[in-house]
Each structure stands twice: as structure tokens, then as C-alpha cells.
Amino acid sequence: MNKSVSDALDVVADSFDVSEWSVKVLNRTKDRMKITFKLSKDEAEAFQSFQNQTKPDEISEDKFIKSIFFLGLTTLEQNLQQSIAQELAKHAEDEDIIFPDEESKETPTEE
């Protein structure tokens, strides 16, 4: 695993005590997946409290949980992209490296 990816995931892991988490991932047919998180009593109460305070009435619990999950994935992906870009910038020795945030540079053509 890339060091910057590992570092970014360590930040996430340091924010929570994940040592006692029970997570099951089942790969299903037709490219489907089932992910199950088993929460402790305290975690379940904390999640229910959070949900009661933030979930709009017109959104189902299922949709709310999926939204939280994918928002977390999107945020993690953005953090990873930033970490990778920072690592590339630190180690760039060649001006020909193009970073995702930079505009496309025109390369000279041979005549």
C-alpha cells in the first residue's frame, strides 16, 4: 500500500476505536455487495441520536445511511488525492510531471 494512502487511513483509524468493530463484506452476484457493521450498544445509541437529530423526515433510514457512507467515501477519496499530490510534489524532480490540479501543459512537438 502506498505510504500516503496508509497515512491517510491512519488518520481515520486514529479518530475512532476500530479495534472492536465487526464488519462483514459479502460479494454478491451481478457486481453487488453487502456490507454489515455490527455496533456496540454505545455506538448504536450514538448513531440513533445522530440520526434523530440530522435525518430529514422525508428520507428513509436506508437512504440516509447510504448517503453517510458515500459521503465518507468521497471525503476519504479527496483526502487521499490531496495526500498523493503532496507526496508527488515533494518528490518531483522532473518538470514534465503534470499534477491533477494543474492545467494541461502543451508539450513541444518535434519539427
Protein backbone atom coordinates (compact mmCIF):
# COMPACT_ATOMS: atom_id res chain seq x y z
CA MET A 1 0.00 0.00 0.00
CA ASN A 2 1.22 3.48 -0.87
CA LYS A 3 2.62 5.29 2.21
CA SER A 4 0.41 8.37 1.69
CA VAL A 5 -2.67 6.14 1.43
CA SER A 6 -1.63 4.32 4.60
CA ASP A 7 -1.06 7.64 6.39
CA ALA A 8 -4.47 8.95 5.34
CA LEU A 9 -6.16 5.80 6.59
CA ASP A 10 -4.26 6.04 9.89
CA VAL A 11 -5.81 9.47 10.44
CA VAL A 12 -9.25 7.93 10.02
CA ALA A 13 -8.41 4.99 12.31
CA ASP A 14 -6.99 7.31 14.97
CA SER A 15 -10.33 9.16 15.07
CA PHE A 16 -12.21 6.01 16.11
CA ASP A 17 -11.54 2.93 18.18
CA VAL A 18 -11.99 0.39 15.40
CA SER A 19 -10.30 -2.48 17.24
CA GLU A 20 -13.64 -3.90 18.40
CA TRP A 21 -15.60 -3.32 15.18
CA SER A 22 -17.23 -6.24 13.44
CA VAL A 23 -17.58 -5.68 9.71
CA LYS A 24 -18.69 -8.25 7.15
CA VAL A 25 -18.30 -7.78 3.41
CA LEU A 26 -20.14 -10.20 1.16
CA ASN A 27 -19.60 -10.01 -2.58
CA ARG A 28 -22.82 -10.91 -4.34
CA THR A 29 -23.67 -11.81 -7.91
CA LYS A 30 -24.11 -9.14 -10.58
CA ASP A 31 -21.40 -6.89 -9.04
CA ARG A 32 -23.39 -6.30 -5.86
CA MET A 33 -22.03 -6.09 -2.34
CA LYS A 34 -23.48 -6.32 1.14
CA ILE A 35 -21.64 -4.56 3.96
CA THR A 36 -22.73 -5.16 7.55
CA PHE A 37 -21.49 -3.17 10.56
CA LYS A 38 -22.20 -4.61 13.99
CA LEU A 39 -22.36 -1.75 16.50
CA SER A 40 -21.95 -1.95 20.26
CA LYS A 41 -24.74 -0.66 22.48
CA ASP A 42 -22.97 2.71 22.93
CA GLU A 43 -22.25 3.02 19.20
CA ALA A 44 -25.83 2.15 18.32
CA GLU A 45 -27.17 4.72 20.79
CA ALA A 46 -24.78 7.37 19.43
CA PHE A 47 -25.82 6.61 15.85
CA GLN A 48 -29.54 6.69 16.72
CA SER A 49 -29.05 10.04 18.46
CA PHE A 50 -27.16 11.42 15.46
CA GLN A 51 -29.81 10.11 13.07
CA ASN A 52 -32.68 11.54 15.13
CA GLN A 53 -31.05 14.97 15.10
CA THR A 54 -29.94 15.13 11.46
CA LYS A 55 -32.08 12.87 9.22
CA PRO A 56 -34.81 14.74 7.33
CA ASP A 57 -38.24 13.12 7.76
CA GLU A 58 -38.72 12.66 4.01
CA ILE A 59 -35.58 10.48 3.68
CA SER A 60 -35.70 6.79 4.61
CA GLU A 61 -33.22 5.37 7.12
CA ASP A 62 -31.74 3.20 4.36
CA LYS A 63 -31.12 6.19 2.08
CA PHE A 64 -29.73 8.24 4.98
CA ILE A 65 -27.20 5.54 5.93
CA LYS A 66 -26.12 5.07 2.30
CA SER A 67 -25.68 8.86 1.96
CA ILE A 68 -23.47 8.98 5.06
CA PHE A 69 -21.43 6.03 3.78
CA PHE A 70 -20.84 7.51 0.32
CA LEU A 71 -20.16 10.99 1.71
CA GLY A 72 -17.45 9.38 3.86
CA LEU A 73 -16.00 7.57 0.83
CA THR A 74 -15.99 10.78 -1.20
CA THR A 75 -14.27 12.69 1.60
CA LEU A 76 -11.68 9.92 2.06
CA GLU A 77 -11.02 9.87 -1.69
CA GLN A 78 -10.46 13.64 -1.72
CA ASN A 79 -8.08 13.39 1.25
CA LEU A 80 -6.16 10.59 -0.45
CA GLN A 81 -5.87 12.58 -3.68
CA GLN A 82 -4.51 15.56 -1.73
CA SER A 83 -2.00 13.36 0.11
CA ILE A 84 -0.81 11.75 -3.11
CA ALA A 85 -0.48 15.12 -4.85
CA GLN A 86 1.54 16.45 -1.89
CA GLU A 87 3.85 13.43 -1.97
CA LEU A 88 4.32 13.78 -5.72
CA ALA A 89 5.12 17.47 -5.32
CA LYS A 90 7.73 16.69 -2.66
CA HIS A 91 9.49 14.15 -4.84
CA ALA A 92 9.07 15.76 -8.23
CA GLU A 93 12.42 16.01 -9.95
CA ASP A 94 11.12 16.42 -13.45
CA GLU A 95 9.16 19.42 -14.70
CA ASP A 96 7.25 17.14 -17.07
CA ILE A 97 5.14 15.74 -14.21
CA ILE A 98 1.60 17.03 -14.51
CA PHE A 99 -0.47 17.14 -11.34
CA PRO A 100 -4.24 16.67 -11.47
CA ASP A 101 -4.84 20.25 -10.30
CA GLU A 102 -2.67 21.83 -12.98
CA GLU A 103 -4.00 22.80 -16.36
CA SER A 104 -2.79 20.71 -19.26
CA LYS A 105 0.59 21.86 -20.46
CA GLU A 106 1.29 21.80 -24.13
CA THR A 107 4.34 19.75 -24.96
CA PRO A 108 6.61 20.96 -27.75
CA THR A 109 6.42 18.94 -30.92
CA GLU A 110 9.43 17.88 -32.92
CA GLU A 111 9.77 19.51 -36.31
